[in-house]
Each structure stands twice: as structure tokens, then as C-alpha cells.
Amino acid sequence: IKEGEAKSIQLPCNLKSIKEQMLANQYLGVVSIP
């Protein structure tokens, strides 16, 4: 989560970036939720 938070603060807030990041988190299973 700490690593993910650092990444999400850098994330451009547009649909494309959000979608890409959520898809990239998918492999983490329920840990993708936080």
C-alpha cells in the first residue's frame, strides 16, 4: 500500500491512466482493493 500510495499520488487523473493502473493492480487479488 505504501508503494502504491506513492504511485497513485503521481497518477494523472484521467480515465486512461486510472484504468491502466487499476488493471495493473489486478494481479494482487484483494490487495488491489486498498
Full PDB file with SEQRES, HELIX, SHEET, SSBOND, CRYST1, ORIGX, SCALE, CONECT and MASTER records, all heavy atoms in Angstrom:
SEQRES   1 A   34  ILE LYS GLU GLY GLU ALA LYS SER ILE GLN LEU PRO CYS          
SEQRES   2 A   34  ASN LEU LYS SER ILE LYS GLU GLN MET LEU ALA ASN GLN          
SEQRES   3 A   34  TYR LEU GLY VAL VAL SER ILE PRO                              
HELIX    1 AA1 LYS A    2  GLN A   10  1                                   9    
HELIX    2 AA2 LEU A   15  ASN A   25  1                                  11    
HELIX    3 AA3 GLN A   26  SER A   32  5                                   7    
CRYST1    1.000    1.000    1.000  90.00  90.00  90.00 P 1           1          
ORIGX1      1.000000  0.000000  0.000000        0.00000                         
ORIGX2      0.000000  1.000000  0.000000        0.00000                         
ORIGX3      0.000000  0.000000  1.000000        0.00000                         
SCALE1      1.000000  0.000000  0.000000        0.00000                         
SCALE2      0.000000  1.000000  0.000000        0.00000                         
SCALE3      0.000000  0.000000  1.000000        0.00000                         
ATOM      1  N   ILE A   1       0.833  -1.209   0.000  1.00  0.00           N  
ATOM      2  CA  ILE A   1       0.000   0.000   0.000  1.00  0.00           C  
ATOM      3  C   ILE A   1       0.868   1.260   0.000  1.00  0.00           C  
ATOM      4  O   ILE A   1       0.593   2.210  -0.730  1.00  0.00           O  
ATOM      5  CB  ILE A   1      -0.985   0.004   1.190  1.00  0.00           C  
ATOM      6  CG1 ILE A   1      -2.077  -1.061   0.974  1.00  0.00           C  
ATOM      7  CG2 ILE A   1      -1.638   1.374   1.366  1.00  0.00           C  
ATOM      8  CD1 ILE A   1      -2.982  -1.275   2.159  1.00  0.00           C  
ATOM      9  N   LYS A   2       1.931   1.239   0.815  1.00  0.00           N  
ATOM     10  CA  LYS A   2       2.843   2.390   0.869  1.00  0.00           C  
ATOM     11  C   LYS A   2       3.418   2.695  -0.512  1.00  0.00           C  
ATOM     12  O   LYS A   2       3.439   3.837  -0.971  1.00  0.00           O  
ATOM     13  CB  LYS A   2       3.961   2.122   1.871  1.00  0.00           C  
ATOM     14  CG  LYS A   2       4.139   3.268   2.839  1.00  0.00           C  
ATOM     15  CD  LYS A   2       5.131   2.949   3.929  1.00  0.00           C  
ATOM     16  CE  LYS A   2       4.483   3.102   5.295  1.00  0.00           C  
ATOM     17  NZ  LYS A   2       5.108   2.323   6.331  1.00  0.00           N  
ATOM     18  N   GLU A   3       3.865   1.629  -1.186  1.00  0.00           N  
ATOM     19  CA  GLU A   3       4.423   1.791  -2.541  1.00  0.00           C  
ATOM     20  C   GLU A   3       3.342   2.288  -3.506  1.00  0.00           C  
ATOM     21  O   GLU A   3       3.577   3.150  -4.345  1.00  0.00           O  
ATOM     22  CB  GLU A   3       5.000   0.475  -3.050  1.00  0.00           C  
ATOM     23  CG  GLU A   3       6.298   0.074  -2.374  1.00  0.00           C  
ATOM     24  CD  GLU A   3       6.781  -1.303  -2.808  1.00  0.00           C  
ATOM     25  OE1 GLU A   3       6.217  -1.870  -3.772  1.00  0.00           O  
ATOM     26  OE2 GLU A   3       7.727  -1.813  -2.183  1.00  0.00           O  
ATOM     27  N   GLY A   4       2.151   1.701  -3.368  1.00  0.00           N  
ATOM     28  CA  GLY A   4       1.026   2.061  -4.239  1.00  0.00           C  
ATOM     29  C   GLY A   4       0.589   3.495  -4.040  1.00  0.00           C  
ATOM     30  O   GLY A   4       0.227   4.199  -4.988  1.00  0.00           O  
ATOM     31  N   GLU A   5       0.656   3.964  -2.788  1.00  0.00           N  
ATOM     32  CA  GLU A   5       0.248   5.340  -2.479  1.00  0.00           C  
ATOM     33  C   GLU A   5       1.195   6.328  -3.172  1.00  0.00           C  
ATOM     34  O   GLU A   5       0.750   7.311  -3.774  1.00  0.00           O  
ATOM     35  CB  GLU A   5       0.265   5.577  -0.971  1.00  0.00           C  
ATOM     36  CG  GLU A   5      -0.376   6.877  -0.590  1.00  0.00           C  
ATOM     37  CD  GLU A   5      -0.836   6.911   0.871  1.00  0.00           C  
ATOM     38  OE1 GLU A   5      -0.274   6.171   1.702  1.00  0.00           O  
ATOM     39  OE2 GLU A   5      -1.766   7.667   1.151  1.00  0.00           O  
ATOM     40  N   ALA A   6       2.477   6.030  -3.109  1.00  0.00           N  
ATOM     41  CA  ALA A   6       3.471   6.891  -3.768  1.00  0.00           C  
ATOM     42  C   ALA A   6       3.176   6.974  -5.269  1.00  0.00           C  
ATOM     43  O   ALA A   6       3.275   8.038  -5.889  1.00  0.00           O  
ATOM     44  CB  ALA A   6       4.872   6.341  -3.530  1.00  0.00           C  
ATOM     45  N   LYS A   7       2.773   5.826  -5.836  1.00  0.00           N  
ATOM     46  CA  LYS A   7       2.453   5.770  -7.269  1.00  0.00           C  
ATOM     47  C   LYS A   7       1.173   6.557  -7.573  1.00  0.00           C  
ATOM     48  O   LYS A   7       1.104   7.293  -8.556  1.00  0.00           O  
ATOM     49  CB  LYS A   7       2.244   4.305  -7.687  1.00  0.00           C  
ATOM     50  CG  LYS A   7       3.207   3.839  -8.776  1.00  0.00           C  
ATOM     51  CD  LYS A   7       2.796   2.456  -9.247  1.00  0.00           C  
ATOM     52  CE  LYS A   7       3.977   1.499  -9.171  1.00  0.00           C  
ATOM     53  NZ  LYS A   7       3.592   0.107  -9.371  1.00  0.00           N  
ATOM     54  N   SER A   8       0.167   6.366  -6.740  1.00  0.00           N  
ATOM     55  CA  SER A   8      -1.135   6.981  -7.044  1.00  0.00           C  
ATOM     56  C   SER A   8      -1.087   8.500  -6.936  1.00  0.00           C  
ATOM     57  O   SER A   8      -1.827   9.203  -7.612  1.00  0.00           O  
ATOM     58  CB  SER A   8      -2.247   6.396  -6.171  1.00  0.00           C  
ATOM     59  OG  SER A   8      -2.083   6.779  -4.835  1.00  0.00           O  
ATOM     60  N   ILE A   9      -0.192   9.035  -6.085  1.00  0.00           N  
ATOM     61  CA  ILE A   9      -0.063  10.493  -5.966  1.00  0.00           C  
ATOM     62  C   ILE A   9       0.483  11.087  -7.276  1.00  0.00           C  
ATOM     63  O   ILE A   9       0.142  12.196  -7.667  1.00  0.00           O  
ATOM     64  CB  ILE A   9       0.819  10.868  -4.742  1.00  0.00           C  
ATOM     65  CG1 ILE A   9       0.045  10.554  -3.459  1.00  0.00           C  
ATOM     66  CG2 ILE A   9       1.217  12.335  -4.767  1.00  0.00           C  
ATOM     67  CD1 ILE A   9       0.876  10.525  -2.207  1.00  0.00           C  
ATOM     68  N   GLN A  10       1.311  10.292  -7.970  1.00  0.00           N  
ATOM     69  CA  GLN A  10       1.887  10.725  -9.253  1.00  0.00           C  
ATOM     70  C   GLN A  10       0.914  10.535 -10.427  1.00  0.00           C  
ATOM     71  O   GLN A  10       1.138  11.047 -11.514  1.00  0.00           O  
ATOM     72  CB  GLN A  10       3.148   9.884  -9.587  1.00  0.00           C  
ATOM     73  CG  GLN A  10       4.191   9.818  -8.486  1.00  0.00           C  
ATOM     74  CD  GLN A  10       4.854  11.153  -8.252  1.00  0.00           C  
ATOM     75  OE1 GLN A  10       5.191  11.859  -9.198  1.00  0.00           O  
ATOM     76  NE2 GLN A  10       4.990  11.546  -6.991  1.00  0.00           N  
ATOM     77  N   LEU A  11      -0.139   9.789 -10.177  1.00  0.00           N  
ATOM     78  CA  LEU A  11      -1.023   9.374 -11.276  1.00  0.00           C  
ATOM     79  C   LEU A  11      -1.774  10.562 -11.890  1.00  0.00           C  
ATOM     80  O   LEU A  11      -2.410  11.335 -11.174  1.00  0.00           O  
ATOM     81  CB  LEU A  11      -2.039   8.349 -10.751  1.00  0.00           C  
ATOM     82  CG  LEU A  11      -2.864   7.581 -11.780  1.00  0.00           C  
ATOM     83  CD1 LEU A  11      -2.011   6.553 -12.516  1.00  0.00           C  
ATOM     84  CD2 LEU A  11      -4.029   6.870 -11.086  1.00  0.00           C  
ATOM     85  N   PRO A  12      -1.717  10.719 -13.232  1.00  0.00           N  
ATOM     86  CA  PRO A  12      -2.547  11.758 -13.854  1.00  0.00           C  
ATOM     87  C   PRO A  12      -4.021  11.335 -13.739  1.00  0.00           C  
ATOM     88  O   PRO A  12      -4.361  10.189 -14.020  1.00  0.00           O  
ATOM     89  CB  PRO A  12      -2.100  11.758 -15.329  1.00  0.00           C  
ATOM     90  CG  PRO A  12      -0.971  10.787 -15.426  1.00  0.00           C  
ATOM     91  CD  PRO A  12      -0.991   9.920 -14.214  1.00  0.00           C  
ATOM     92  N   CYS A  13      -4.863  12.252 -13.286  1.00  0.00           N  
ATOM     93  CA  CYS A  13      -6.261  11.877 -13.035  1.00  0.00           C  
ATOM     94  C   CYS A  13      -7.081  11.946 -14.315  1.00  0.00           C  
ATOM     95  O   CYS A  13      -7.885  12.861 -14.511  1.00  0.00           O  
ATOM     96  CB  CYS A  13      -6.850  12.752 -11.945  1.00  0.00           C  
ATOM     97  SG  CYS A  13      -6.161  12.345 -10.346  1.00  0.00           S  
ATOM     98  N   ASN A  14      -6.860  10.998 -15.191  1.00  0.00           N  
ATOM     99  CA  ASN A  14      -7.727  10.861 -16.364  1.00  0.00           C  
ATOM    100  C   ASN A  14      -8.122   9.399 -16.491  1.00  0.00           C  
ATOM    101  O   ASN A  14      -7.467   8.516 -15.928  1.00  0.00           O  
ATOM    102  CB  ASN A  14      -7.037  11.372 -17.633  1.00  0.00           C  
ATOM    103  CG  ASN A  14      -5.755  10.609 -17.934  1.00  0.00           C  
ATOM    104  OD1 ASN A  14      -5.758   9.395 -18.087  1.00  0.00           O  
ATOM    105  ND2 ASN A  14      -4.649  11.327 -18.013  1.00  0.00           N  
ATOM    106  N   LEU A  15      -9.196   9.168 -17.214  1.00  0.00           N  
ATOM    107  CA  LEU A  15      -9.773   7.828 -17.310  1.00  0.00           C  
ATOM    108  C   LEU A  15      -8.761   6.779 -17.768  1.00  0.00           C  
ATOM    109  O   LEU A  15      -8.669   5.693 -17.190  1.00  0.00           O  
ATOM    110  CB  LEU A  15     -10.982   7.859 -18.258  1.00  0.00           C  
ATOM    111  CG  LEU A  15     -11.839   6.594 -18.290  1.00  0.00           C  
ATOM    112  CD1 LEU A  15     -12.409   6.280 -16.919  1.00  0.00           C  
ATOM    113  CD2 LEU A  15     -12.964   6.752 -19.311  1.00  0.00           C  
ATOM    114  N   LYS A  16      -7.964   7.124 -18.767  1.00  0.00           N  
ATOM    115  CA  LYS A  16      -6.998   6.184 -19.337  1.00  0.00           C  
ATOM    116  C   LYS A  16      -5.979   5.727 -18.276  1.00  0.00           C  
ATOM    117  O   LYS A  16      -5.744   4.538 -18.083  1.00  0.00           O  
ATOM    118  CB  LYS A  16      -6.290   6.840 -20.530  1.00  0.00           C  
ATOM    119  CG  LYS A  16      -5.376   5.902 -21.312  1.00  0.00           C  
ATOM    120  CD  LYS A  16      -4.869   6.606 -22.576  1.00  0.00           C  
ATOM    121  CE  LYS A  16      -3.920   5.710 -23.370  1.00  0.00           C  
ATOM    122  NZ  LYS A  16      -2.586   5.615 -22.757  1.00  0.00           N  
ATOM    123  N   SER A  17      -5.407   6.691 -17.553  1.00  0.00           N  
ATOM    124  CA  SER A  17      -4.391   6.368 -16.531  1.00  0.00           C  
ATOM    125  C   SER A  17      -4.996   5.560 -15.382  1.00  0.00           C  
ATOM    126  O   SER A  17      -4.383   4.609 -14.898  1.00  0.00           O  
ATOM    127  CB  SER A  17      -3.778   7.646 -15.966  1.00  0.00           C  
ATOM    128  OG  SER A  17      -3.267   8.430 -17.001  1.00  0.00           O  
ATOM    129  N   ILE A  18      -6.182   5.971 -14.957  1.00  0.00           N  
ATOM    130  CA  ILE A  18      -6.837   5.264 -13.847  1.00  0.00           C  
ATOM    131  C   ILE A  18      -7.111   3.813 -14.240  1.00  0.00           C  
ATOM    132  O   ILE A  18      -6.832   2.885 -13.477  1.00  0.00           O  
ATOM    133  CB  ILE A  18      -8.153   5.985 -13.439  1.00  0.00           C  
ATOM    134  CG1 ILE A  18      -7.828   7.356 -12.846  1.00  0.00           C  
ATOM    135  CG2 ILE A  18      -8.961   5.150 -12.454  1.00  0.00           C  
ATOM    136  CD1 ILE A  18      -9.039   8.268 -12.653  1.00  0.00           C  
ATOM    137  N   LYS A  19      -7.629   3.641 -15.450  1.00  0.00           N  
ATOM    138  CA  LYS A  19      -7.952   2.294 -15.940  1.00  0.00           C  
ATOM    139  C   LYS A  19      -6.690   1.427 -16.009  1.00  0.00           C  
ATOM    140  O   LYS A  19      -6.689   0.284 -15.536  1.00  0.00           O  
ATOM    141  CB  LYS A  19      -8.599   2.412 -17.331  1.00  0.00           C  
ATOM    142  CG  LYS A  19      -9.226   1.125 -17.824  1.00  0.00           C  
ATOM    143  CD  LYS A  19      -9.971   1.360 -19.131  1.00  0.00           C  
ATOM    144  CE  LYS A  19     -10.671   0.089 -19.568  1.00  0.00           C  
ATOM    145  NZ  LYS A  19     -11.492   0.297 -20.759  1.00  0.00           N  
ATOM    146  N   GLU A  20      -5.628   1.993 -16.573  1.00  0.00           N  
ATOM    147  CA  GLU A  20      -4.362   1.253 -16.695  1.00  0.00           C  
ATOM    148  C   GLU A  20      -3.833   0.833 -15.329  1.00  0.00           C  
ATOM    149  O   GLU A  20      -3.393  -0.298 -15.143  1.00  0.00           O  
ATOM    150  CB  GLU A  20      -3.309   2.102 -17.424  1.00  0.00           C  
ATOM    151  CG  GLU A  20      -3.473   2.072 -18.932  1.00  0.00           C  
ATOM    152  CD  GLU A  20      -2.573   3.087 -19.650  1.00  0.00           C  
ATOM    153  OE1 GLU A  20      -1.718   3.724 -18.978  1.00  0.00           O  
ATOM    154  OE2 GLU A  20      -2.745   3.249 -20.881  1.00  0.00           O  
ATOM    155  N   GLN A  21      -3.896   1.755 -14.357  1.00  0.00           N  
ATOM    156  CA  GLN A  21      -3.361   1.455 -13.025  1.00  0.00           C  
ATOM    157  C   GLN A  21      -4.213   0.397 -12.313  1.00  0.00           C  
ATOM    158  O   GLN A  21      -3.681  -0.505 -11.670  1.00  0.00           O  
ATOM    159  CB  GLN A  21      -3.266   2.727 -12.186  1.00  0.00           C  
ATOM    160  CG  GLN A  21      -2.428   2.580 -10.917  1.00  0.00           C  
ATOM    161  CD  GLN A  21      -1.055   1.969 -11.166  1.00  0.00           C  
ATOM    162  OE1 GLN A  21      -0.269   2.489 -11.942  1.00  0.00           O  
ATOM    163  NE2 GLN A  21      -0.762   0.842 -10.540  1.00  0.00           N  
ATOM    164  N   MET A  22      -5.538   0.503 -12.441  1.00  0.00           N  
ATOM    165  CA  MET A  22      -6.404  -0.494 -11.797  1.00  0.00           C  
ATOM    166  C   MET A  22      -6.190  -1.876 -12.417  1.00  0.00           C  
ATOM    167  O   MET A  22      -6.184  -2.887 -11.709  1.00  0.00           O  
ATOM    168  CB  MET A  22      -7.876  -0.076 -11.894  1.00  0.00           C  
ATOM    169  CG  MET A  22      -8.250   1.005 -10.903  1.00  0.00           C  
ATOM    170  SD  MET A  22     -10.050   1.205 -10.796  1.00  0.00           S  
ATOM    171  CE  MET A  22     -10.177   2.556  -9.637  1.00  0.00           C  
ATOM    172  N   LEU A  23      -6.019  -1.922 -13.732  1.00  0.00           N  
ATOM    173  CA  LEU A  23      -5.739  -3.199 -14.401  1.00  0.00           C  
ATOM    174  C   LEU A  23      -4.391  -3.761 -13.948  1.00  0.00           C  
ATOM    175  O   LEU A  23      -4.252  -4.956 -13.726  1.00  0.00           O  
ATOM    176  CB  LEU A  23      -5.747  -3.029 -15.926  1.00  0.00           C  
ATOM    177  CG  LEU A  23      -7.128  -2.987 -16.580  1.00  0.00           C  
ATOM    178  CD1 LEU A  23      -7.018  -2.596 -18.051  1.00  0.00           C  
ATOM    179  CD2 LEU A  23      -7.847  -4.343 -16.466  1.00  0.00           C  
ATOM    180  N   ALA A  24      -3.411  -2.867 -13.781  1.00  0.00           N  
ATOM    181  CA  ALA A  24      -2.085  -3.291 -13.331  1.00  0.00           C  
ATOM    182  C   ALA A  24      -2.138  -3.847 -11.901  1.00  0.00           C  
ATOM    183  O   ALA A  24      -1.345  -4.719 -11.536  1.00  0.00           O  
ATOM    184  CB  ALA A  24      -1.110  -2.122 -13.396  1.00  0.00           C  
ATOM    185  N   ASN A  25      -3.091  -3.364 -11.103  1.00  0.00           N  
ATOM    186  CA  ASN A  25      -3.220  -3.839  -9.712  1.00  0.00           C  
ATOM    187  C   ASN A  25      -3.926  -5.186  -9.606  1.00  0.00           C  
ATOM    188  O   ASN A  25      -3.877  -5.835  -8.552  1.00  0.00           O  
ATOM    189  CB  ASN A  25      -3.996  -2.811  -8.873  1.00  0.00           C  
ATOM    190  CG  ASN A  25      -3.228  -1.528  -8.660  1.00  0.00           C  
ATOM    191  OD1 ASN A  25      -2.005  -1.506  -8.794  1.00  0.00           O  
ATOM    192  ND2 ASN A  25      -3.936  -0.448  -8.336  1.00  0.00           N  
ATOM    193  N   GLN A  26      -4.593  -5.580 -10.678  1.00  0.00           N  
ATOM    194  CA  GLN A  26      -5.479  -6.753 -10.623  1.00  0.00           C  
ATOM    195  C   GLN A  26      -4.803  -8.029 -10.103  1.00  0.00           C  
ATOM    196  O   GLN A  26      -5.412  -8.806  -9.379  1.00  0.00           O  
ATOM    197  CB  GLN A  26      -6.069  -7.027 -12.003  1.00  0.00           C  
ATOM    198  CG  GLN A  26      -7.588  -6.967 -11.986  1.00  0.00           C  
ATOM    199  CD  GLN A  26      -8.165  -7.097 -13.386  1.00  0.00           C  
ATOM    200  OE1 GLN A  26      -7.635  -7.824 -14.216  1.00  0.00           O  
ATOM    201  NE2 GLN A  26      -9.238  -6.396 -13.658  1.00  0.00           N  
ATOM    202  N   TYR A  27      -3.528  -8.222 -10.481  1.00  0.00           N  
ATOM    203  CA  TYR A  27      -2.836  -9.469 -10.123  1.00  0.00           C  
ATOM    204  C   TYR A  27      -2.688  -9.633  -8.609  1.00  0.00           C  
ATOM    205  O   TYR A  27      -2.414 -10.717  -8.106  1.00  0.00           O  
ATOM    206  CB  TYR A  27      -1.463  -9.533 -10.816  1.00  0.00           C  
ATOM    207  CG  TYR A  27      -0.383  -8.738 -10.119  1.00  0.00           C  
ATOM    208  CD1 TYR A  27       0.576  -9.356  -9.315  1.00  0.00           C  
ATOM    209  CD2 TYR A  27      -0.331  -7.356 -10.254  1.00  0.00           C  
ATOM    210  CE1 TYR A  27       1.546  -8.619  -8.673  1.00  0.00           C  
ATOM    211  CE2 TYR A  27       0.637  -6.611  -9.618  1.00  0.00           C  
ATOM    212  CZ  TYR A  27       1.584  -7.244  -8.821  1.00  0.00           C  
ATOM    213  OH  TYR A  27       2.545  -6.513  -8.184  1.00  0.00           O  
ATOM    214  N   LEU A  28      -2.878  -8.551  -7.865  1.00  0.00           N  
ATOM    215  CA  LEU A  28      -2.721  -8.603  -6.405  1.00  0.00           C  
ATOM    216  C   LEU A  28      -3.966  -9.120  -5.690  1.00  0.00           C  
ATOM    217  O   LEU A  28      -3.997  -9.198  -4.475  1.00  0.00           O  
ATOM    218  CB  LEU A  28      -2.376  -7.208  -5.879  1.00  0.00           C  
ATOM    219  CG  LEU A  28      -0.951  -6.731  -6.179  1.00  0.00           C  
ATOM    220  CD1 LEU A  28      -0.846  -5.225  -6.039  1.00  0.00           C  
ATOM    221  CD2 LEU A  28       0.058  -7.427  -5.272  1.00  0.00           C  
ATOM    222  N   GLY A  29      -4.993  -9.463  -6.453  1.00  0.00           N  
ATOM    223  CA  GLY A  29      -6.208 -10.006  -5.831  1.00  0.00           C  
ATOM    224  C   GLY A  29      -6.853  -8.986  -4.905  1.00  0.00           C  
ATOM    225  O   GLY A  29      -6.943  -7.800  -5.242  1.00  0.00           O  
ATOM    226  N   VAL A  30      -7.266  -9.408  -3.702  1.00  0.00           N  
ATOM    227  CA  VAL A  30      -7.983  -8.484  -2.794  1.00  0.00           C  
ATOM    228  C   VAL A  30      -7.084  -7.338  -2.314  1.00  0.00           C  
ATOM    229  O   VAL A  30      -7.585  -6.299  -1.878  1.00  0.00           O  
ATOM    230  CB  VAL A  30      -8.626  -9.208  -1.581  1.00  0.00           C  
ATOM    231  CG1 VAL A  30      -9.772 -10.106  -2.025  1.00  0.00           C  
ATOM    232  CG2 VAL A  30      -7.609  -9.969  -0.767  1.00  0.00           C  
ATOM    233  N   VAL A  31      -5.766  -7.517  -2.415  1.00  0.00           N  
ATOM    234  CA  VAL A  31      -4.854  -6.429  -2.023  1.00  0.00           C  
ATOM    235  C   VAL A  31      -4.949  -5.262  -3.021  1.00  0.00           C  
ATOM    236  O   VAL A  31      -4.559  -4.139  -2.726  1.00  0.00           O  
ATOM    237  CB  VAL A  31      -3.401  -6.955  -1.883  1.00  0.00           C  
ATOM    238  CG1 VAL A  31      -2.459  -5.853  -1.424  1.00  0.00           C  
ATOM    239  CG2 VAL A  31      -3.353  -8.122  -0.892  1.00  0.00           C  
ATOM    240  N   SER A  32      -5.513  -5.530  -4.199  1.00  0.00           N  
ATOM    241  CA  SER A  32      -5.729  -4.429  -5.157  1.00  0.00           C  
ATOM    242  C   SER A  32      -6.787  -3.453  -4.640  1.00  0.00           C  
ATOM    243  O   SER A  32      -6.810  -2.289  -5.043  1.00  0.00           O  
ATOM    244  CB  SER A  32      -6.170  -4.982  -6.519  1.00  0.00           C  
ATOM    245  OG  SER A  32      -7.478  -5.550  -6.430  1.00  0.00           O  
ATOM    246  N   ILE A  33      -7.645  -3.901  -3.738  1.00  0.00           N  
ATOM    247  CA  ILE A  33      -8.746  -3.045  -3.259  1.00  0.00           C  
ATOM    248  C   ILE A  33      -8.218  -1.782  -2.559  1.00  0.00           C  
ATOM    249  O   ILE A  33      -8.585  -0.668  -2.943  1.00  0.00           O  
ATOM    250  CB  ILE A  33      -9.744  -3.841  -2.375  1.00  0.00           C  
ATOM    251  CG1 ILE A  33     -10.422  -4.947  -3.203  1.00  0.00           C  
ATOM    252  CG2 ILE A  33     -10.803  -2.907  -1.766  1.00  0.00           C  
ATOM    253  CD1 ILE A  33     -11.196  -5.972  -2.388  1.00  0.00           C  
ATOM    254  N   PRO A  34      -7.333  -1.917  -1.530  1.00  0.00           N  
ATOM    255  CA  PRO A  34      -6.838  -0.685  -0.908  1.00  0.00           C  
ATOM    256  C   PRO A  34      -5.999   0.177  -1.858  1.00  0.00           C  
ATOM    257  O   PRO A  34      -5.965   1.405  -1.713  1.00  0.00           O  
ATOM    258  CB  PRO A  34      -5.989  -1.183   0.279  1.00  0.00           C  
ATOM    259  CG  PRO A  34      -5.770  -2.631   0.054  1.00  0.00           C  
ATOM    260  CD  PRO A  34      -6.893  -3.116  -0.799  1.00  0.00           C  
TER     261      PRO A  34                                                      
MASTER        0    0    0    3    0    0    0    6  260    1    0    3          
END                                                                             
